[in-house]
C-alpha cells in the first residue's frame, strides 16, 4: 500500500491584513498569501504570482495578530477543498491552505520596534 501525504510549504507575502473569526479555542485567522515564480532568462524572463487562501486556528491564529499586509512568511500545512453555492446558486470550490506552522521572515510589527 502506498502512503500518500497532503503537505504544502509556501514562502510568500501577505496580500491583506489577517481577519479573525470565532472565539476561545475556536479562534481562527484568514489571510491571502502571494507566492512568485520566476522562469526563463534574459528577455524571455517571466514571473507568475499565485494567490493562496490561508486559514489557521488556535494559538497560531492568535500569533497572526502580529502580521499585516506585505509581511513575508513561510508556512506549512495541508490543502483543503470546500464546496459551496454562491448567491446565484452556482456551485463553487475553494482550495485553502490550513496552516500548521508559520515562521515570520520579515514582519513590520517586529521591525518597527
N, C-alpha and C. Protein backbone atom coordinates (compact mmCIF):
# COMPACT_ATOMS: atom_id res chain seq x y z
N UNK A 1 0.85 -1.18 0.00
CA UNK A 1 0.00 0.00 0.00
C UNK A 1 0.89 1.25 0.00
N UNK A 2 0.57 2.21 -0.82
CA UNK A 2 1.33 3.44 -0.94
C UNK A 2 0.81 4.47 0.05
N UNK A 3 1.73 5.13 0.73
CA UNK A 3 1.37 6.19 1.68
C UNK A 3 1.32 7.52 0.93
N UNK A 4 0.21 8.22 1.01
CA UNK A 4 0.03 9.50 0.33
C UNK A 4 -0.09 10.59 1.38
N UNK A 5 0.65 11.67 1.19
CA UNK A 5 0.67 12.75 2.16
C UNK A 5 0.15 14.04 1.54
N UNK A 6 -0.66 14.76 2.28
CA UNK A 6 -1.15 16.07 1.88
C UNK A 6 -0.36 17.09 2.68
N UNK A 7 0.69 17.65 2.08
CA UNK A 7 1.55 18.60 2.78
C UNK A 7 1.99 19.67 1.79
N UNK A 8 1.94 20.93 2.22
CA UNK A 8 2.38 22.03 1.37
C UNK A 8 3.24 22.97 2.21
N UNK A 9 4.30 23.51 1.60
CA UNK A 9 5.13 24.53 2.22
C UNK A 9 5.20 25.70 1.26
N UNK A 10 4.92 26.90 1.76
CA UNK A 10 4.91 28.10 0.93
C UNK A 10 5.75 29.20 1.57
N UNK A 11 6.39 30.01 0.75
CA UNK A 11 7.05 31.23 1.19
C UNK A 11 6.45 32.35 0.35
N UNK A 12 5.93 33.38 1.02
CA UNK A 12 5.32 34.47 0.27
C UNK A 12 5.00 35.65 1.16
N UNK A 13 4.28 36.61 0.56
CA UNK A 13 3.90 37.84 1.24
C UNK A 13 2.39 37.91 1.41
N UNK A 14 1.97 38.41 2.59
CA UNK A 14 0.54 38.58 2.85
C UNK A 14 -0.05 39.62 1.90
N UNK A 15 -1.18 39.30 1.32
CA UNK A 15 -1.86 40.22 0.42
C UNK A 15 -2.87 41.10 1.14
N UNK A 16 -3.13 40.81 2.40
CA UNK A 16 -4.07 41.59 3.20
C UNK A 16 -3.77 41.35 4.68
N UNK A 17 -4.27 42.24 5.53
CA UNK A 17 -4.19 42.01 6.96
C UNK A 17 -5.06 40.80 7.30
N UNK A 18 -4.63 39.96 8.24
CA UNK A 18 -5.47 38.82 8.62
C UNK A 18 -6.82 39.29 9.17
N UNK A 19 -7.86 38.50 8.91
CA UNK A 19 -9.16 38.72 9.53
C UNK A 19 -9.37 37.58 10.51
N UNK A 20 -10.08 37.87 11.59
CA UNK A 20 -10.23 36.90 12.67
C UNK A 20 -11.70 36.54 12.84
N UNK A 21 -11.96 35.30 13.24
CA UNK A 21 -13.33 34.83 13.44
C UNK A 21 -13.34 33.83 14.58
N UNK A 22 -14.52 33.59 15.13
CA UNK A 22 -14.67 32.65 16.23
C UNK A 22 -14.16 33.24 17.53
N UNK A 23 -14.10 32.38 18.56
CA UNK A 23 -13.57 32.82 19.86
C UNK A 23 -13.09 31.62 20.65
N UNK A 24 -12.30 31.88 21.68
CA UNK A 24 -11.78 30.81 22.53
C UNK A 24 -10.94 29.84 21.74
N UNK A 25 -11.16 28.54 21.97
CA UNK A 25 -10.40 27.50 21.27
C UNK A 25 -10.74 27.44 19.79
N UNK A 26 -11.85 28.04 19.41
CA UNK A 26 -12.28 28.03 18.01
C UNK A 26 -11.90 29.31 17.27
N UNK A 27 -10.92 30.06 17.78
CA UNK A 27 -10.47 31.27 17.11
C UNK A 27 -9.71 30.91 15.85
N UNK A 28 -10.04 31.59 14.78
CA UNK A 28 -9.35 31.36 13.51
C UNK A 28 -8.91 32.67 12.89
N UNK A 29 -7.95 32.58 11.99
CA UNK A 29 -7.49 33.73 11.22
C UNK A 29 -7.44 33.33 9.76
N UNK A 30 -7.69 34.29 8.89
CA UNK A 30 -7.71 34.05 7.45
C UNK A 30 -6.94 35.19 6.78
N UNK A 31 -6.07 34.82 5.82
CA UNK A 31 -5.39 35.84 5.01
C UNK A 31 -5.00 35.23 3.68
N UNK A 32 -4.65 36.08 2.74
CA UNK A 32 -4.20 35.65 1.42
C UNK A 32 -2.69 35.78 1.35
N UNK A 33 -2.05 34.80 0.72
CA UNK A 33 -0.60 34.77 0.59
C UNK A 33 -0.24 34.73 -0.89
N UNK A 34 0.65 35.64 -1.32
CA UNK A 34 1.12 35.66 -2.70
C UNK A 34 2.47 34.96 -2.78
N UNK A 35 2.59 34.03 -3.72
CA UNK A 35 3.87 33.40 -4.00
C UNK A 35 4.25 33.73 -5.44
N UNK A 36 5.54 33.90 -5.68
CA UNK A 36 6.02 34.28 -7.01
C UNK A 36 6.95 33.21 -7.56
N UNK A 37 6.81 32.96 -8.84
CA UNK A 37 7.67 32.03 -9.53
C UNK A 37 8.26 32.76 -10.73
N UNK A 38 9.57 32.78 -10.83
CA UNK A 38 10.26 33.41 -11.94
C UNK A 38 10.83 32.30 -12.81
N UNK A 39 10.61 32.39 -14.11
CA UNK A 39 11.13 31.38 -15.02
C UNK A 39 11.62 32.04 -16.29
N UNK A 40 12.47 31.33 -17.00
CA UNK A 40 13.09 31.88 -18.19
C UNK A 40 14.29 32.74 -17.81
N UNK A 41 14.92 33.32 -18.83
CA UNK A 41 16.06 34.20 -18.57
C UNK A 41 16.14 35.26 -19.65
N UNK A 42 16.87 36.30 -19.35
CA UNK A 42 17.05 37.39 -20.31
C UNK A 42 15.72 38.01 -20.69
N UNK A 43 15.54 38.22 -21.99
CA UNK A 43 14.30 38.84 -22.48
C UNK A 43 13.10 37.92 -22.33
N UNK A 44 13.34 36.62 -22.18
CA UNK A 44 12.25 35.65 -22.03
C UNK A 44 11.86 35.44 -20.58
N UNK A 45 12.45 36.20 -19.67
CA UNK A 45 12.17 36.04 -18.24
C UNK A 45 10.73 36.50 -17.95
N UNK A 46 10.01 35.66 -17.22
CA UNK A 46 8.63 35.96 -16.85
C UNK A 46 8.42 35.65 -15.37
N UNK A 47 7.39 36.24 -14.82
CA UNK A 47 7.04 35.98 -13.43
C UNK A 47 5.56 35.66 -13.34
N UNK A 48 5.26 34.71 -12.49
CA UNK A 48 3.86 34.34 -12.24
C UNK A 48 3.61 34.48 -10.74
N UNK A 49 2.51 35.11 -10.39
CA UNK A 49 2.10 35.23 -8.99
C UNK A 49 0.85 34.38 -8.78
N UNK A 50 0.90 33.53 -7.77
CA UNK A 50 -0.25 32.73 -7.38
C UNK A 50 -0.72 33.20 -6.01
N UNK A 51 -2.03 33.17 -5.81
CA UNK A 51 -2.63 33.59 -4.53
C UNK A 51 -3.21 32.37 -3.83
N UNK A 52 -2.95 32.29 -2.53
CA UNK A 52 -3.39 31.17 -1.71
C UNK A 52 -4.18 31.70 -0.52
N UNK A 53 -5.34 31.11 -0.27
CA UNK A 53 -6.13 31.46 0.91
C UNK A 53 -5.64 30.60 2.06
N UNK A 54 -5.23 31.25 3.16
CA UNK A 54 -4.66 30.55 4.30
C UNK A 54 -5.59 30.68 5.50
N UNK A 55 -5.80 29.57 6.20
CA UNK A 55 -6.59 29.52 7.43
C UNK A 55 -5.69 28.97 8.53
N UNK A 56 -5.73 29.56 9.71
CA UNK A 56 -5.02 28.98 10.86
C UNK A 56 -5.92 29.09 12.09
N UNK A 57 -5.66 28.22 13.06
CA UNK A 57 -6.54 28.07 14.21
C UNK A 57 -5.77 28.20 15.53
N UNK A 58 -6.50 28.47 16.60
CA UNK A 58 -5.97 28.45 17.96
C UNK A 58 -4.82 29.42 18.18
N UNK A 59 -3.74 28.91 18.79
CA UNK A 59 -2.58 29.75 19.10
C UNK A 59 -1.93 30.31 17.86
N UNK A 60 -1.96 29.56 16.77
CA UNK A 60 -1.40 30.05 15.52
C UNK A 60 -2.19 31.25 15.01
N UNK A 61 -3.51 31.20 15.16
CA UNK A 61 -4.36 32.34 14.77
C UNK A 61 -4.07 33.54 15.67
N UNK A 62 -3.85 33.29 16.95
CA UNK A 62 -3.53 34.37 17.88
C UNK A 62 -2.22 35.05 17.49
N UNK A 63 -1.22 34.26 17.09
CA UNK A 63 0.07 34.85 16.69
C UNK A 63 -0.05 35.63 15.39
N UNK A 64 -1.06 35.34 14.58
CA UNK A 64 -1.25 36.06 13.31
C UNK A 64 -1.63 37.51 13.54
N UNK A 65 -1.97 37.89 14.78
CA UNK A 65 -2.29 39.30 15.05
C UNK A 65 -1.08 40.20 14.83
N UNK A 66 0.13 39.62 14.80
CA UNK A 66 1.36 40.38 14.56
C UNK A 66 1.62 40.59 13.07
N UNK A 67 0.83 39.96 12.21
CA UNK A 67 1.04 40.04 10.77
C UNK A 67 0.21 41.14 10.14
N UNK A 68 0.72 41.68 9.04
CA UNK A 68 -0.04 42.66 8.27
C UNK A 68 0.33 42.55 6.80
N UNK A 69 -0.44 43.21 5.97
CA UNK A 69 -0.25 43.17 4.52
C UNK A 69 1.21 43.46 4.18
N UNK A 70 1.78 42.63 3.30
CA UNK A 70 3.15 42.80 2.84
C UNK A 70 4.18 42.00 3.60
N UNK A 71 3.84 41.50 4.80
CA UNK A 71 4.79 40.72 5.60
C UNK A 71 5.14 39.42 4.89
N UNK A 72 6.42 39.02 5.02
CA UNK A 72 6.89 37.78 4.40
C UNK A 72 6.93 36.67 5.43
N UNK A 73 6.34 35.52 5.08
CA UNK A 73 6.29 34.37 5.98
C UNK A 73 6.57 33.10 5.19
N UNK A 74 6.96 32.06 5.92
CA UNK A 74 6.95 30.72 5.37
C UNK A 74 5.96 29.91 6.21
N UNK A 75 5.19 29.08 5.57
CA UNK A 75 4.21 28.30 6.32
C UNK A 75 4.13 26.89 5.78
N UNK A 76 3.71 26.01 6.65
CA UNK A 76 3.48 24.61 6.28
C UNK A 76 2.06 24.26 6.68
N UNK A 77 1.47 23.37 5.94
CA UNK A 77 0.11 22.94 6.26
C UNK A 77 -0.38 21.92 5.24
N UNK A 78 -1.70 21.83 5.13
CA UNK A 78 -2.29 20.90 4.18
C UNK A 78 -3.38 21.61 3.38
N UNK A 79 -3.66 21.08 2.21
CA UNK A 79 -4.69 21.65 1.35
C UNK A 79 -6.04 21.06 1.72
N UNK A 80 -7.04 21.93 1.72
CA UNK A 80 -8.43 21.51 1.94
C UNK A 80 -9.29 22.15 0.87
N UNK A 81 -10.21 21.39 0.33
CA UNK A 81 -11.16 21.95 -0.64
C UNK A 81 -12.53 22.04 0.02
N UNK A 82 -13.21 23.13 -0.24
CA UNK A 82 -14.55 23.35 0.29
C UNK A 82 -15.49 23.68 -0.86
N UNK A 83 -16.58 22.94 -0.95
CA UNK A 83 -17.59 23.19 -1.97
C UNK A 83 -18.73 23.99 -1.36
N UNK A 84 -19.28 24.93 -2.16
CA UNK A 84 -20.40 25.74 -1.68
C UNK A 84 -21.16 26.28 -2.88
N UNK A 85 -22.34 26.83 -2.62
CA UNK A 85 -23.12 27.51 -3.65
C UNK A 85 -23.07 29.00 -3.37
N UNK A 86 -22.78 29.78 -4.43
CA UNK A 86 -22.75 31.23 -4.25
C UNK A 86 -24.17 31.79 -4.25
N UNK A 87 -24.29 33.10 -4.16
CA UNK A 87 -25.61 33.74 -4.06
C UNK A 87 -26.48 33.49 -5.29
N UNK A 88 -25.85 33.19 -6.43
CA UNK A 88 -26.61 32.92 -7.66
C UNK A 88 -26.95 31.44 -7.81
N UNK A 89 -26.55 30.61 -6.82
CA UNK A 89 -26.82 29.19 -6.88
C UNK A 89 -25.79 28.40 -7.67
N UNK A 90 -24.72 29.07 -8.08
CA UNK A 90 -23.66 28.39 -8.82
C UNK A 90 -22.76 27.63 -7.85
N UNK A 91 -22.47 26.37 -8.18
CA UNK A 91 -21.60 25.57 -7.33
C UNK A 91 -20.16 26.02 -7.51
N UNK A 92 -19.48 26.23 -6.40
CA UNK A 92 -18.09 26.70 -6.40
C UNK A 92 -17.24 25.80 -5.52
N UNK A 93 -15.94 25.84 -5.77
CA UNK A 93 -14.98 25.12 -4.92
C UNK A 93 -13.82 26.08 -4.64
N UNK A 94 -13.42 26.14 -3.39
CA UNK A 94 -12.27 26.94 -3.00
C UNK A 94 -11.25 26.00 -2.36
N UNK A 95 -9.99 26.21 -2.70
CA UNK A 95 -8.89 25.43 -2.11
C UNK A 95 -8.21 26.33 -1.09
N UNK A 96 -8.07 25.85 0.13
CA UNK A 96 -7.45 26.61 1.21
C UNK A 96 -6.25 25.85 1.75
N UNK A 97 -5.28 26.61 2.26
CA UNK A 97 -4.16 26.02 2.99
C UNK A 97 -4.49 26.14 4.46
N UNK A 98 -4.61 25.02 5.16
CA UNK A 98 -4.82 25.02 6.61
C UNK A 98 -3.44 24.90 7.25
N UNK A 99 -2.95 26.04 7.75
CA UNK A 99 -1.57 26.12 8.24
C UNK A 99 -1.41 25.39 9.57
N UNK A 100 -0.30 24.67 9.69
CA UNK A 100 0.06 24.03 10.96
C UNK A 100 1.27 24.71 11.60
N UNK A 101 2.00 25.52 10.81
CA UNK A 101 3.10 26.32 11.36
C UNK A 101 3.31 27.53 10.46
N UNK A 102 3.72 28.63 11.09
CA UNK A 102 4.04 29.86 10.36
C UNK A 102 5.32 30.43 10.97
N UNK A 103 6.27 30.73 10.10
CA UNK A 103 7.51 31.37 10.54
C UNK A 103 7.54 32.79 9.97
N UNK A 104 7.73 33.77 10.84
CA UNK A 104 7.77 35.16 10.42
C UNK A 104 9.16 35.44 9.85
N UNK A 105 9.25 35.82 8.59
CA UNK A 105 10.53 36.09 7.95
C UNK A 105 10.87 37.58 7.94
N UNK A 106 9.91 38.41 7.62
CA UNK A 106 10.13 39.85 7.55
C UNK A 106 8.81 40.52 7.91
N UNK A 107 8.63 40.79 9.19
CA UNK A 107 7.35 41.27 9.71
C UNK A 107 7.51 42.69 10.23
N UNK A 108 6.72 43.61 9.67
CA UNK A 108 6.83 45.03 10.01
C UNK A 108 6.65 45.31 11.49
N UNK A 109 5.72 44.62 12.17
CA UNK A 109 5.46 44.93 13.56
C UNK A 109 6.68 44.66 14.44
N UNK A 110 7.54 43.72 14.03
CA UNK A 110 8.77 43.46 14.78
C UNK A 110 9.91 44.36 14.33
N UNK A 111 9.95 44.70 13.04
CA UNK A 111 10.99 45.57 12.50
C UNK A 111 10.91 46.97 13.07
N UNK A 112 9.69 47.47 13.31
CA UNK A 112 9.48 48.85 13.71
C UNK A 112 9.67 49.09 15.19
N UNK A 113 10.05 48.08 15.94
CA UNK A 113 10.24 48.25 17.40
C UNK A 113 11.52 48.94 17.70
